């Protein structure tokens, strides 16, 4: 029995709430009064299921893929926007969503994290636990 693994998948179908929150975060770079709180982003497990089942999971099944190494949407990473705080907050949110997908569909998705980066990034660890 063979196992087909897609080693480079991105969460391209994330719920719209993610993009809306990110747009507010980016607007907050110029006007700090607009910066949203992480707690304001509300994405339910049902929202995640809906974004996966009829999109990426359907295509995986049609193509015969068994497992996808699953990371945040590449075009959303936008490491050039904001400072390290903006990037680390955004990375944490996106990584958490990929983790949640893997918990809802453990037989199909393995989470892969993005690291926070920014143009002014120093050599400080990207992950505090390192």
N, C-alpha and C. Protein backbone atom coordinates (compact mmCIF):
# COMPACT_ATOMS: atom_id res chain seq x y z
N UNK A 1 0.85 -1.19 0.00
CA UNK A 1 0.00 0.00 0.00
C UNK A 1 0.89 1.24 0.00
N UNK A 2 0.62 2.15 -0.90
CA UNK A 2 1.41 3.38 -0.97
C UNK A 2 0.67 4.52 -0.28
N UNK A 3 1.45 5.50 0.11
CA UNK A 3 0.93 6.69 0.76
C UNK A 3 1.42 7.88 -0.06
N UNK A 4 0.50 8.71 -0.52
CA UNK A 4 0.88 9.88 -1.30
C UNK A 4 0.82 11.11 -0.40
N UNK A 5 1.98 11.75 -0.25
CA UNK A 5 2.11 12.91 0.63
C UNK A 5 2.46 14.14 -0.19
N UNK A 6 1.64 15.17 -0.03
CA UNK A 6 1.95 16.48 -0.60
C UNK A 6 2.80 17.20 0.44
N UNK A 7 4.04 17.46 0.11
CA UNK A 7 4.96 18.02 1.11
C UNK A 7 4.97 19.55 1.13
N UNK A 8 4.07 20.17 0.37
CA UNK A 8 4.10 21.64 0.31
C UNK A 8 2.70 22.20 0.07
N UNK A 9 1.84 22.08 1.07
CA UNK A 9 0.48 22.59 0.96
C UNK A 9 0.31 23.86 1.78
N UNK A 10 -0.55 24.75 1.30
CA UNK A 10 -0.83 26.01 1.99
C UNK A 10 -2.33 26.13 2.24
N UNK A 11 -2.68 26.82 3.31
CA UNK A 11 -4.08 27.02 3.67
C UNK A 11 -4.65 28.16 2.82
N UNK A 12 -4.88 27.87 1.56
CA UNK A 12 -5.35 28.88 0.61
C UNK A 12 -6.84 29.16 0.74
N UNK A 13 -7.54 28.33 1.48
CA UNK A 13 -8.99 28.48 1.59
C UNK A 13 -9.42 28.91 3.00
N UNK A 14 -8.52 29.53 3.73
CA UNK A 14 -8.83 29.95 5.10
C UNK A 14 -10.08 30.83 5.12
N UNK A 15 -10.85 30.76 6.19
CA UNK A 15 -12.06 31.58 6.28
C UNK A 15 -11.77 33.07 6.10
N UNK A 16 -12.73 33.77 5.55
CA UNK A 16 -12.58 35.20 5.24
C UNK A 16 -12.25 36.06 6.46
N UNK A 17 -12.66 35.60 7.64
CA UNK A 17 -12.38 36.35 8.85
C UNK A 17 -10.88 36.58 9.04
N UNK A 18 -10.06 35.63 8.56
CA UNK A 18 -8.61 35.76 8.70
C UNK A 18 -8.11 36.95 7.89
N UNK A 19 -8.53 37.04 6.64
CA UNK A 19 -8.10 38.15 5.79
C UNK A 19 -8.62 39.48 6.32
N UNK A 20 -9.85 39.50 6.80
CA UNK A 20 -10.41 40.73 7.35
C UNK A 20 -9.61 41.20 8.57
N UNK A 21 -9.24 40.26 9.44
CA UNK A 21 -8.44 40.61 10.62
C UNK A 21 -7.08 41.15 10.18
N UNK A 22 -6.47 40.47 9.21
CA UNK A 22 -5.14 40.90 8.73
C UNK A 22 -5.21 42.30 8.13
N UNK A 23 -6.25 42.60 7.38
CA UNK A 23 -6.40 43.94 6.80
C UNK A 23 -6.46 44.99 7.91
N UNK A 24 -7.13 44.68 8.99
CA UNK A 24 -7.19 45.61 10.12
C UNK A 24 -5.82 45.74 10.78
N UNK A 25 -5.10 44.62 10.89
CA UNK A 25 -3.77 44.67 11.49
C UNK A 25 -2.84 45.55 10.65
N UNK A 26 -2.88 45.38 9.35
CA UNK A 26 -2.03 46.18 8.46
C UNK A 26 -2.41 47.66 8.54
N UNK A 27 -3.70 47.96 8.59
CA UNK A 27 -4.15 49.36 8.73
C UNK A 27 -3.64 49.94 10.05
N UNK A 28 -3.53 49.10 11.06
CA UNK A 28 -3.05 49.55 12.36
C UNK A 28 -1.58 49.91 12.41
N UNK A 29 -0.84 49.55 11.39
CA UNK A 29 0.58 49.93 11.34
C UNK A 29 0.70 51.45 11.24
N UNK A 30 -0.20 52.06 10.46
CA UNK A 30 -0.18 53.52 10.31
C UNK A 30 -1.03 54.23 11.36
N UNK A 31 -2.04 53.55 11.85
CA UNK A 31 -2.91 54.14 12.86
C UNK A 31 -3.12 53.12 13.98
N UNK A 32 -2.32 53.20 15.05
CA UNK A 32 -2.40 52.22 16.14
C UNK A 32 -3.79 52.05 16.74
N UNK A 33 -4.65 53.02 16.59
CA UNK A 33 -6.02 52.90 17.12
C UNK A 33 -6.80 51.82 16.38
N UNK A 34 -6.32 51.43 15.19
CA UNK A 34 -7.03 50.44 14.37
C UNK A 34 -6.54 49.00 14.60
N UNK A 35 -5.47 48.84 15.36
CA UNK A 35 -4.91 47.50 15.57
C UNK A 35 -5.93 46.61 16.29
N UNK A 36 -6.30 45.49 15.66
CA UNK A 36 -7.26 44.60 16.32
C UNK A 36 -6.58 43.73 17.37
N UNK A 37 -7.34 43.31 18.34
CA UNK A 37 -6.85 42.36 19.33
C UNK A 37 -6.94 40.96 18.73
N UNK A 38 -6.02 40.10 19.11
CA UNK A 38 -6.06 38.71 18.64
C UNK A 38 -7.40 38.09 19.03
N UNK A 39 -7.89 38.42 20.19
CA UNK A 39 -9.15 37.86 20.67
C UNK A 39 -10.36 38.26 19.82
N UNK A 40 -10.21 39.26 18.99
CA UNK A 40 -11.30 39.69 18.12
C UNK A 40 -11.47 38.79 16.91
N UNK A 41 -10.48 37.98 16.61
CA UNK A 41 -10.58 37.05 15.48
C UNK A 41 -11.36 35.82 15.93
N UNK A 42 -12.52 35.65 15.37
CA UNK A 42 -13.40 34.53 15.72
C UNK A 42 -13.55 33.61 14.52
N UNK A 43 -12.92 32.44 14.60
CA UNK A 43 -13.06 31.43 13.56
C UNK A 43 -13.41 30.13 14.28
N UNK A 44 -14.60 29.64 14.01
CA UNK A 44 -15.06 28.43 14.68
C UNK A 44 -14.51 27.17 14.00
N UNK A 45 -14.61 26.06 14.70
CA UNK A 45 -14.23 24.78 14.09
C UNK A 45 -15.09 24.53 12.86
N UNK A 46 -16.36 24.91 12.92
CA UNK A 46 -17.24 24.73 11.77
C UNK A 46 -16.77 25.58 10.58
N UNK A 47 -16.32 26.79 10.84
CA UNK A 47 -15.76 27.63 9.76
C UNK A 47 -14.57 26.93 9.11
N UNK A 48 -13.72 26.34 9.94
CA UNK A 48 -12.54 25.65 9.43
C UNK A 48 -12.96 24.42 8.63
N UNK A 49 -13.85 23.62 9.19
CA UNK A 49 -14.31 22.44 8.45
C UNK A 49 -14.86 22.83 7.09
N UNK A 50 -15.69 23.85 7.08
CA UNK A 50 -16.30 24.31 5.82
C UNK A 50 -15.23 24.75 4.82
N UNK A 51 -14.19 25.40 5.30
CA UNK A 51 -13.14 25.89 4.40
C UNK A 51 -12.26 24.77 3.85
N UNK A 52 -12.25 23.62 4.54
CA UNK A 52 -11.40 22.50 4.14
C UNK A 52 -12.16 21.44 3.35
N UNK A 53 -13.30 20.99 3.86
CA UNK A 53 -14.00 19.83 3.30
C UNK A 53 -14.34 20.01 1.82
N UNK A 54 -14.91 21.12 1.45
CA UNK A 54 -15.36 21.31 0.07
C UNK A 54 -14.30 21.92 -0.83
N UNK A 55 -13.13 22.12 -0.29
CA UNK A 55 -12.06 22.74 -1.07
C UNK A 55 -10.84 21.84 -1.08
N UNK A 56 -9.93 22.04 -0.18
CA UNK A 56 -8.66 21.33 -0.21
C UNK A 56 -8.80 19.83 0.03
N UNK A 57 -9.64 19.42 0.95
CA UNK A 57 -9.81 17.99 1.19
C UNK A 57 -10.47 17.31 0.00
N UNK A 58 -11.44 17.97 -0.60
CA UNK A 58 -12.09 17.42 -1.80
C UNK A 58 -11.07 17.21 -2.91
N UNK A 59 -10.22 18.21 -3.14
CA UNK A 59 -9.21 18.09 -4.18
C UNK A 59 -8.18 17.02 -3.85
N UNK A 60 -7.81 16.91 -2.60
CA UNK A 60 -6.88 15.86 -2.20
C UNK A 60 -7.44 14.49 -2.54
N UNK A 61 -8.71 14.27 -2.21
CA UNK A 61 -9.35 12.99 -2.48
C UNK A 61 -9.46 12.73 -3.98
N UNK A 62 -9.84 13.75 -4.74
CA UNK A 62 -9.94 13.60 -6.20
C UNK A 62 -8.60 13.24 -6.83
N UNK A 63 -7.53 13.78 -6.29
CA UNK A 63 -6.19 13.57 -6.85
C UNK A 63 -5.47 12.37 -6.25
N UNK A 64 -6.06 11.76 -5.23
CA UNK A 64 -5.45 10.60 -4.63
C UNK A 64 -4.40 10.90 -3.58
N UNK A 65 -4.34 12.12 -3.10
CA UNK A 65 -3.39 12.48 -2.03
C UNK A 65 -3.93 11.98 -0.69
N UNK A 66 -3.03 11.46 0.12
CA UNK A 66 -3.43 10.97 1.43
C UNK A 66 -3.16 11.97 2.55
N UNK A 67 -2.06 12.68 2.45
CA UNK A 67 -1.61 13.54 3.53
C UNK A 67 -0.95 14.79 2.96
N UNK A 68 -1.17 15.92 3.62
CA UNK A 68 -0.55 17.17 3.20
C UNK A 68 0.18 17.81 4.37
N UNK A 69 1.44 18.18 4.14
CA UNK A 69 2.16 19.02 5.09
C UNK A 69 1.64 20.42 4.85
N UNK A 70 1.02 21.00 5.86
CA UNK A 70 0.09 22.12 5.68
C UNK A 70 0.58 23.37 6.40
N UNK A 71 0.86 24.41 5.64
CA UNK A 71 1.37 25.65 6.21
C UNK A 71 0.46 26.83 5.84
N UNK A 72 0.68 27.98 6.49
CA UNK A 72 -0.12 29.16 6.16
C UNK A 72 0.02 29.54 4.68
N UNK A 73 -0.97 30.23 4.20
CA UNK A 73 -0.99 30.70 2.81
C UNK A 73 0.23 31.58 2.54
N UNK A 74 0.99 31.24 1.54
CA UNK A 74 2.26 31.93 1.26
C UNK A 74 2.07 33.43 1.02
N UNK A 75 1.08 33.79 0.23
CA UNK A 75 0.90 35.21 -0.08
C UNK A 75 0.43 36.00 1.14
N UNK A 76 -0.11 35.32 2.15
CA UNK A 76 -0.52 35.99 3.38
C UNK A 76 0.66 36.22 4.31
N UNK A 77 1.76 35.50 4.13
CA UNK A 77 2.88 35.63 5.05
C UNK A 77 3.39 37.06 5.09
N UNK A 78 3.61 37.66 3.94
CA UNK A 78 3.93 39.08 3.80
C UNK A 78 4.92 39.57 4.86
N UNK A 79 6.06 38.92 4.90
CA UNK A 79 7.09 39.26 5.89
C UNK A 79 7.58 40.71 5.79
N UNK A 80 7.37 41.32 4.66
CA UNK A 80 7.84 42.69 4.45
C UNK A 80 6.93 43.75 5.08
N UNK A 81 5.80 43.33 5.61
CA UNK A 81 4.84 44.27 6.18
C UNK A 81 4.99 44.33 7.69
N UNK A 82 5.21 45.52 8.19
CA UNK A 82 5.27 45.72 9.64
C UNK A 82 6.59 45.34 10.27
N UNK A 83 6.59 45.38 11.58
CA UNK A 83 7.80 45.06 12.34
C UNK A 83 7.70 43.62 12.87
N UNK A 84 8.66 43.26 13.71
CA UNK A 84 8.67 41.91 14.24
C UNK A 84 7.43 41.60 15.07
N UNK A 85 6.92 42.57 15.81
CA UNK A 85 5.71 42.35 16.60
C UNK A 85 4.52 42.02 15.70
N UNK A 86 4.36 42.78 14.62
CA UNK A 86 3.29 42.52 13.66
C UNK A 86 3.46 41.11 13.08
N UNK A 87 4.68 40.80 12.66
CA UNK A 87 4.93 39.50 12.03
C UNK A 87 4.75 38.34 13.00
N UNK A 88 5.20 38.51 14.24
CA UNK A 88 5.08 37.40 15.19
C UNK A 88 3.62 37.16 15.58
N UNK A 89 2.84 38.21 15.70
CA UNK A 89 1.42 38.05 15.99
C UNK A 89 0.72 37.35 14.83
N UNK A 90 1.02 37.79 13.62
CA UNK A 90 0.40 37.22 12.43
C UNK A 90 0.82 35.75 12.26
N UNK A 91 2.08 35.45 12.46
CA UNK A 91 2.56 34.07 12.35
C UNK A 91 1.86 33.17 13.37
N UNK A 92 1.72 33.65 14.60
CA UNK A 92 1.08 32.85 15.64
C UNK A 92 -0.37 32.52 15.27
N UNK A 93 -1.08 33.51 14.75
CA UNK A 93 -2.47 33.30 14.34
C UNK A 93 -2.55 32.29 13.20
N UNK A 94 -1.75 32.47 12.18
CA UNK A 94 -1.78 31.57 11.03
C UNK A 94 -1.35 30.15 11.41
N UNK A 95 -0.32 30.05 12.24
CA UNK A 95 0.15 28.74 12.68
C UNK A 95 -0.92 28.02 13.50
N UNK A 96 -1.59 28.77 14.35
CA UNK A 96 -2.65 28.17 15.16
C UNK A 96 -3.77 27.63 14.28
N UNK A 97 -4.12 28.34 13.22
CA UNK A 97 -5.16 27.84 12.31
C UNK A 97 -4.73 26.55 11.64
N UNK A 98 -3.49 26.47 11.19
CA UNK A 98 -2.99 25.23 10.57
C UNK A 98 -3.00 24.09 11.59
N UNK A 99 -2.65 24.38 12.82
CA UNK A 99 -2.71 23.37 13.86
C UNK A 99 -4.15 22.90 14.07
N UNK A 100 -5.07 23.84 14.11
CA UNK A 100 -6.48 23.47 14.29
C UNK A 100 -6.98 22.59 13.15
N UNK A 101 -6.57 22.90 11.92
CA UNK A 101 -6.93 22.04 10.79
C UNK A 101 -6.40 20.63 11.04
N UNK A 102 -5.17 20.52 11.49
CA UNK A 102 -4.57 19.20 11.73
C UNK A 102 -5.29 18.45 12.85
N UNK A 103 -5.84 19.16 13.81
CA UNK A 103 -6.59 18.51 14.88
C UNK A 103 -7.97 18.05 14.40
N UNK A 104 -8.56 18.81 13.50
CA UNK A 104 -9.87 18.43 12.96
C UNK A 104 -9.78 17.33 11.91
N UNK A 105 -8.66 17.29 11.20
CA UNK A 105 -8.45 16.31 10.13
C UNK A 105 -7.07 15.65 10.28
N UNK A 106 -6.83 14.95 11.39
CA UNK A 106 -5.48 14.45 11.67
C UNK A 106 -4.97 13.42 10.67
N UNK A 107 -5.87 12.74 10.00
CA UNK A 107 -5.45 11.74 9.02
C UNK A 107 -5.05 12.36 7.67
N UNK A 108 -5.30 13.65 7.51
CA UNK A 108 -5.03 14.29 6.22
C UNK A 108 -4.05 15.45 6.25
N UNK A 109 -3.88 16.11 7.42
CA UNK A 109 -3.05 17.31 7.47
C UNK A 109 -2.07 17.27 8.64
N UNK A 110 -0.82 17.64 8.35
CA UNK A 110 0.22 17.79 9.36
C UNK A 110 0.64 19.26 9.33
N UNK A 111 0.57 19.97 10.47
CA UNK A 111 0.87 21.40 10.44
C UNK A 111 2.36 21.69 10.26
N UNK A 112 2.63 22.73 9.50
CA UNK A 112 3.98 23.26 9.30
C UNK A 112 3.90 24.75 9.60
N UNK A 113 4.80 25.24 10.42
CA UNK A 113 4.72 26.63 10.86
C UNK A 113 5.49 27.59 9.97
N UNK A 114 5.00 28.82 9.94
CA UNK A 114 5.78 29.91 9.35
C UNK A 114 6.50 30.60 10.49
N UNK A 115 7.66 31.12 10.22
CA UNK A 115 8.41 31.87 11.23
C UNK A 115 8.17 33.36 11.02
N UNK A 116 8.07 34.11 12.11
CA UNK A 116 7.89 35.55 11.96
C UNK A 116 9.18 36.19 11.47
N UNK A 117 9.05 37.02 10.48
CA UNK A 117 10.20 37.72 9.93
C UNK A 117 9.76 39.15 9.61
N UNK A 118 10.71 40.04 9.57
CA UNK A 118 10.43 41.41 9.14
C UNK A 118 11.73 42.02 8.65
N UNK A 119 11.64 43.09 7.85
CA UNK A 119 12.86 43.69 7.30
C UNK A 119 13.85 44.14 8.38
N UNK A 120 13.36 44.56 9.51
CA UNK A 120 14.25 45.05 10.56
C UNK A 120 14.59 43.96 11.58
N UNK A 121 14.31 42.72 11.25
CA UNK A 121 14.52 41.61 12.17
C UNK A 121 15.97 41.48 12.55
N UNK A 122 16.21 41.31 13.83
CA UNK A 122 17.57 41.08 14.32
C UNK A 122 17.78 39.57 14.45
N UNK A 123 18.89 39.19 15.02
CA UNK A 123 19.17 37.78 15.19
C UNK A 123 18.48 37.19 16.42
N UNK A 124 17.59 37.95 17.04
CA UNK A 124 16.84 37.43 18.19
C UNK A 124 16.05 36.20 17.74
N UNK A 125 15.90 35.23 18.61
CA UNK A 125 15.17 34.01 18.22
C UNK A 125 13.76 34.31 17.75
N UNK A 126 13.36 33.66 16.68
CA UNK A 126 12.00 33.82 16.18
C UNK A 126 11.00 33.08 17.07
N UNK A 127 11.48 32.06 17.75
CA UNK A 127 10.63 31.30 18.65
C UNK A 127 11.19 31.43 20.07
N UNK A 128 10.44 32.00 20.98
CA UNK A 128 10.94 32.26 22.33
C UNK A 128 11.45 31.02 23.06
N UNK A 129 10.93 29.85 22.73
CA UNK A 129 11.34 28.64 23.46
C UNK A 129 12.69 28.11 23.01
N UNK A 130 13.28 28.66 21.97
CA UNK A 130 14.57 28.16 21.48
C UNK A 130 15.70 28.69 22.30
